[in-house]
């Protein structure tokens, strides 16, 4: 569905509940919020966590369906360590998936022996314990790392490049429009509009999240309840 078709669907659903007309700018505010809301739901909401059960009803790669839903966002890059010994976050970084290090050694036949090792990411406290361990410290075969404000630190420090798989943030959708001062009406303009980043199968779910945002804004209880029930049913 195009962003305009989603607009028409949302306004039609709102009209069924006799809610007021959704303005063009209101719609763009709502789709910007719903855009991140849907992305967060698919990654995994911490709000779903319970005591001794830190799991979400939906979370990245907990099912093949969610992996398929988020396939457009999967990004793989090679990152070089900077002067501050940090592997910096990509500009569009949203959520972590995996980090690997390619260990290359020359054998007796002068043919490079390449092995891929997973970088185990731990907490800052756990990293301190690993680095202070005089018996088993991070090495080429079992590298470790931790999150910091500007990126990751990885040990052993001789590692200078890592392969990162992450989920990029979604592009913010936008419904562009033109205003006719004669008729006092607006018309959808595909030029300048930004379409959804999600696969077509999620467009209806997205529309109901937009409807929920709009219902919260106008304090329309019936409209909110309808949207919320549809969202829960879709989960």
Protein backbone atom coordinates (compact mmCIF):
# COMPACT_ATOMS: atom_id res chain seq x y z
CA UNK A 1 0.00 0.00 0.00
CA UNK A 2 1.18 3.52 -0.73
CA UNK A 3 1.30 6.05 2.08
CA UNK A 4 -1.77 7.70 0.57
CA UNK A 5 -3.71 4.41 0.58
CA UNK A 6 -2.88 4.05 4.26
CA UNK A 7 -4.13 7.61 4.80
CA UNK A 8 -7.40 6.78 3.05
CA UNK A 9 -7.82 3.60 5.12
CA UNK A 10 -7.13 5.39 8.41
CA UNK A 11 -9.51 8.26 7.61
CA UNK A 12 -12.19 5.77 6.55
CA UNK A 13 -11.86 3.82 9.80
CA UNK A 14 -11.90 7.04 11.84
CA UNK A 15 -15.00 8.19 9.97
CA UNK A 16 -16.80 4.95 10.92
CA UNK A 17 -16.48 6.01 14.56
CA UNK A 18 -17.58 9.55 13.71
CA UNK A 19 -14.23 10.96 14.75
CA UNK A 20 -13.09 14.28 13.40
CA UNK A 21 -11.19 14.54 10.10
CA UNK A 22 -7.51 13.69 10.24
CA UNK A 23 -5.44 16.65 9.08
CA UNK A 24 -2.50 16.24 6.75
CA UNK A 25 0.08 17.32 9.31
CA UNK A 26 -1.64 15.30 12.05
CA UNK A 27 -1.37 12.24 9.86
CA UNK A 28 2.36 12.80 9.29
CA UNK A 29 2.93 13.19 13.04
CA UNK A 30 1.01 9.96 13.66
CA UNK A 31 2.83 7.89 11.02
CA UNK A 32 6.22 9.05 12.34
CA UNK A 33 5.28 7.78 15.81
CA UNK A 34 3.70 4.55 14.52
CA UNK A 35 6.77 3.91 12.37
CA UNK A 36 9.02 3.53 15.41
CA UNK A 37 6.27 1.87 17.43
CA UNK A 38 5.96 -1.01 14.96
CA UNK A 39 9.75 -1.35 14.70
CA UNK A 40 10.07 -1.54 18.49
CA UNK A 41 7.34 -4.17 18.70
CA UNK A 42 9.16 -6.42 16.26
CA UNK A 43 12.50 -5.96 18.03
CA UNK A 44 11.03 -6.72 21.45
CA UNK A 45 9.40 -4.47 24.04
CA UNK A 46 11.01 -4.42 27.51
CA UNK A 47 7.56 -3.47 28.81
CA UNK A 48 6.52 -7.08 28.15
CA UNK A 49 9.17 -8.43 30.52
CA UNK A 50 8.10 -10.06 33.76
CA UNK A 51 10.07 -11.10 36.84
CA UNK A 52 12.39 -13.99 35.92
CA UNK A 53 11.03 -13.91 32.36
CA UNK A 54 12.80 -11.18 30.36
CA UNK A 55 11.04 -12.02 27.11
CA UNK A 56 8.67 -10.14 24.81
CA UNK A 57 5.65 -11.57 23.02
CA UNK A 58 7.34 -10.43 19.85
CA UNK A 59 11.11 -10.18 19.56
CA UNK A 60 13.80 -10.23 16.89
CA UNK A 61 14.17 -13.74 15.45
CA UNK A 62 12.02 -15.43 18.10
CA UNK A 63 10.05 -16.76 15.10
CA UNK A 64 10.66 -17.02 11.36
CA UNK A 65 7.68 -14.74 10.79
CA UNK A 66 9.27 -11.87 12.72
CA UNK A 67 12.58 -12.46 10.96
CA UNK A 68 10.70 -12.23 7.67
CA UNK A 69 8.86 -9.08 8.80
CA UNK A 70 12.17 -7.37 9.56
CA UNK A 71 14.17 -8.63 6.58
CA UNK A 72 14.39 -5.18 4.97
CA UNK A 73 16.25 -3.83 7.99
CA UNK A 74 18.98 -6.48 8.25
CA UNK A 75 22.32 -4.83 7.48
CA UNK A 76 25.84 -6.25 7.40
CA UNK A 77 28.94 -4.06 7.56
CA UNK A 78 32.61 -4.34 8.34
CA UNK A 79 33.69 -1.87 11.02
CA UNK A 80 37.24 -0.68 11.64
CA UNK A 81 38.42 0.31 15.08
CA UNK A 82 38.93 4.07 15.46
CA UNK A 83 41.68 6.02 17.20
CA UNK A 84 39.82 5.75 20.51
CA UNK A 85 39.90 1.91 20.26
CA UNK A 86 36.14 1.89 19.66
CA UNK A 87 34.18 0.13 16.94
CA UNK A 88 31.63 2.92 16.27
CA UNK A 89 27.91 2.43 15.74
CA UNK A 90 26.74 2.87 12.13
CA UNK A 91 24.75 6.08 11.55
CA UNK A 92 21.49 4.17 11.03
CA UNK A 93 22.13 1.61 13.80
CA UNK A 94 18.98 0.51 15.59
CA UNK A 95 19.44 -2.90 17.22
CA UNK A 96 22.18 -5.48 17.56
CA UNK A 97 22.05 -8.92 15.94
CA UNK A 98 25.59 -10.36 15.90
CA UNK A 99 29.27 -9.50 15.75
CA UNK A 100 32.01 -11.67 14.25
CA UNK A 101 35.74 -11.55 13.82
CA UNK A 102 37.61 -13.18 10.92
CA UNK A 103 40.70 -14.85 12.30
CA UNK A 104 43.30 -15.26 9.55
CA UNK A 105 46.44 -17.37 10.06
CA UNK A 106 49.04 -18.61 7.60
CA UNK A 107 49.67 -22.35 7.73
CA UNK A 108 52.68 -24.34 6.58
CA UNK A 109 51.44 -24.32 2.98
CA UNK A 110 51.24 -20.52 2.96
CA UNK A 111 47.50 -20.77 2.39
CA UNK A 112 45.56 -18.47 4.71
CA UNK A 113 43.49 -20.30 7.29
CA UNK A 114 40.35 -18.24 7.85
CA UNK A 115 38.03 -18.93 10.75
CA UNK A 116 35.06 -16.85 11.80
CA UNK A 117 34.73 -16.37 15.55
CA UNK A 118 31.73 -14.85 17.30
CA UNK A 119 32.47 -11.85 19.51
CA UNK A 120 30.69 -12.49 22.80
CA UNK A 121 29.17 -9.23 24.04
CA UNK A 122 28.97 -9.00 27.83
CA UNK A 123 28.17 -6.35 30.42
CA UNK A 124 30.80 -3.86 31.48
CA UNK A 125 31.16 -5.63 34.85
CA UNK A 126 31.55 -9.02 33.16
CA UNK A 127 34.14 -7.58 30.82
CA UNK A 128 36.18 -6.34 33.78
CA UNK A 129 36.11 -9.84 35.27
CA UNK A 130 37.23 -11.39 31.98
CA UNK A 131 40.10 -8.96 31.57
CA UNK A 132 41.26 -9.52 35.18
CA UNK A 133 41.18 -13.30 34.79
CA UNK A 134 44.80 -14.45 34.75
CA UNK A 135 43.90 -17.97 33.60
CA UNK A 136 41.41 -17.45 30.77
CA UNK A 137 41.63 -14.09 29.07
CA UNK A 138 39.99 -13.05 25.78
CA UNK A 139 41.94 -14.34 22.79
CA UNK A 140 41.60 -14.79 19.03
CA UNK A 141 39.39 -17.84 19.42
CA UNK A 142 37.15 -16.38 22.13
CA UNK A 143 36.99 -12.60 21.73
CA UNK A 144 34.69 -10.55 23.96
CA UNK A 145 33.29 -7.04 23.84
CA UNK A 146 30.97 -4.61 25.57
CA UNK A 147 28.69 -1.70 24.70
CA UNK A 148 29.73 1.91 25.30
CA UNK A 149 28.28 5.27 24.38
CA UNK A 150 30.12 5.65 21.07
CA UNK A 151 30.31 1.98 20.12
CA UNK A 152 31.86 -1.31 21.20
CA UNK A 153 35.20 -2.20 22.72
CA UNK A 154 36.52 -5.60 21.68
CA UNK A 155 39.28 -7.71 23.20
CA UNK A 156 41.97 -8.79 22.52
CA UNK A 157 42.86 -5.28 21.42
CA UNK A 158 44.88 -6.50 18.46
CA UNK A 159 41.56 -7.06 16.64
CA UNK A 160 41.10 -4.09 14.29
CA UNK A 161 38.04 -5.08 12.22
CA UNK A 162 34.76 -6.81 13.01
CA UNK A 163 31.77 -7.86 10.92
CA UNK A 164 28.55 -6.49 12.38
CA UNK A 165 25.00 -7.59 11.59
CA UNK A 166 22.38 -5.16 12.88
CA UNK A 167 18.90 -3.85 12.24
CA UNK A 168 18.87 -0.36 10.83
CA UNK A 169 16.31 2.20 11.91
CA UNK A 170 13.32 2.57 9.57
CA UNK A 171 13.14 5.55 7.26
CA UNK A 172 10.48 7.98 8.48
CA UNK A 173 7.44 7.86 6.14
CA UNK A 174 5.87 11.08 4.92
CA UNK A 175 2.72 11.89 2.97
CA UNK A 176 3.43 14.97 0.89
CA UNK A 177 0.53 17.13 -0.27
CA UNK A 178 -0.28 20.33 -2.11
CA UNK A 179 -2.77 22.98 -1.01
CA UNK A 180 -5.28 24.60 -3.40
CA UNK A 181 -6.22 28.06 -2.08
CA UNK A 182 -9.27 28.20 -4.39
CA UNK A 183 -10.94 25.02 -3.10
CA UNK A 184 -9.24 25.17 0.32
CA UNK A 185 -8.42 21.45 -0.12
CA UNK A 186 -5.22 19.43 -0.13
CA UNK A 187 -4.18 16.79 -2.65
CA UNK A 188 -1.74 13.93 -2.21
CA UNK A 189 1.55 14.50 -3.99
CA UNK A 190 3.61 11.33 -4.61
CA UNK A 191 6.63 13.52 -5.39
CA UNK A 192 8.28 14.21 -2.07
CA UNK A 193 6.34 11.46 -0.28
CA UNK A 194 8.27 8.73 1.54
CA UNK A 195 6.75 5.25 1.45
CA UNK A 196 6.82 2.66 4.22
CA UNK A 197 9.99 0.71 4.87
CA UNK A 198 8.03 -2.38 5.92
CA UNK A 199 6.92 -5.31 3.75
CA UNK A 200 3.36 -5.18 2.43
CA UNK A 201 2.17 -7.78 4.96
CA UNK A 202 2.66 -5.27 7.79
CA UNK A 203 0.89 -2.32 6.22
CA UNK A 204 -2.49 -3.09 7.79
CA UNK A 205 -0.84 -3.47 11.22
CA UNK A 206 0.86 -0.14 10.63
CA UNK A 207 -2.47 1.52 9.75
CA UNK A 208 -4.00 0.44 13.05
CA UNK A 209 -1.02 1.78 14.97
CA UNK A 210 -1.54 5.11 13.20
CA UNK A 211 -5.21 4.97 14.14
CA UNK A 212 -4.23 4.33 17.76
CA UNK A 213 -1.95 7.39 17.76
CA UNK A 214 -4.74 9.51 16.35
CA UNK A 215 -7.25 8.19 18.90
CA UNK A 216 -4.92 9.09 21.77
CA UNK A 217 -4.52 12.59 20.38
CA UNK A 218 -8.27 13.30 20.14
CA UNK A 219 -9.14 11.25 23.26
CA UNK A 220 -11.57 9.08 21.33
CA UNK A 221 -12.08 6.07 23.62
CA UNK A 222 -14.12 3.91 21.21
CA UNK A 223 -11.71 4.46 18.35
CA UNK A 224 -8.74 3.71 20.61
CA UNK A 225 -10.34 0.52 21.91
CA UNK A 226 -11.09 -0.69 18.38
CA UNK A 227 -7.51 -0.05 17.26
CA UNK A 228 -6.06 -1.63 20.40
CA UNK A 229 -8.16 -4.78 20.01
CA UNK A 230 -7.07 -5.15 16.39
CA UNK A 231 -3.41 -4.67 17.38
CA UNK A 232 -3.67 -7.32 20.11
CA UNK A 233 -5.41 -9.73 17.75
CA UNK A 234 -2.62 -9.24 15.25
CA UNK A 235 -0.04 -10.22 17.83
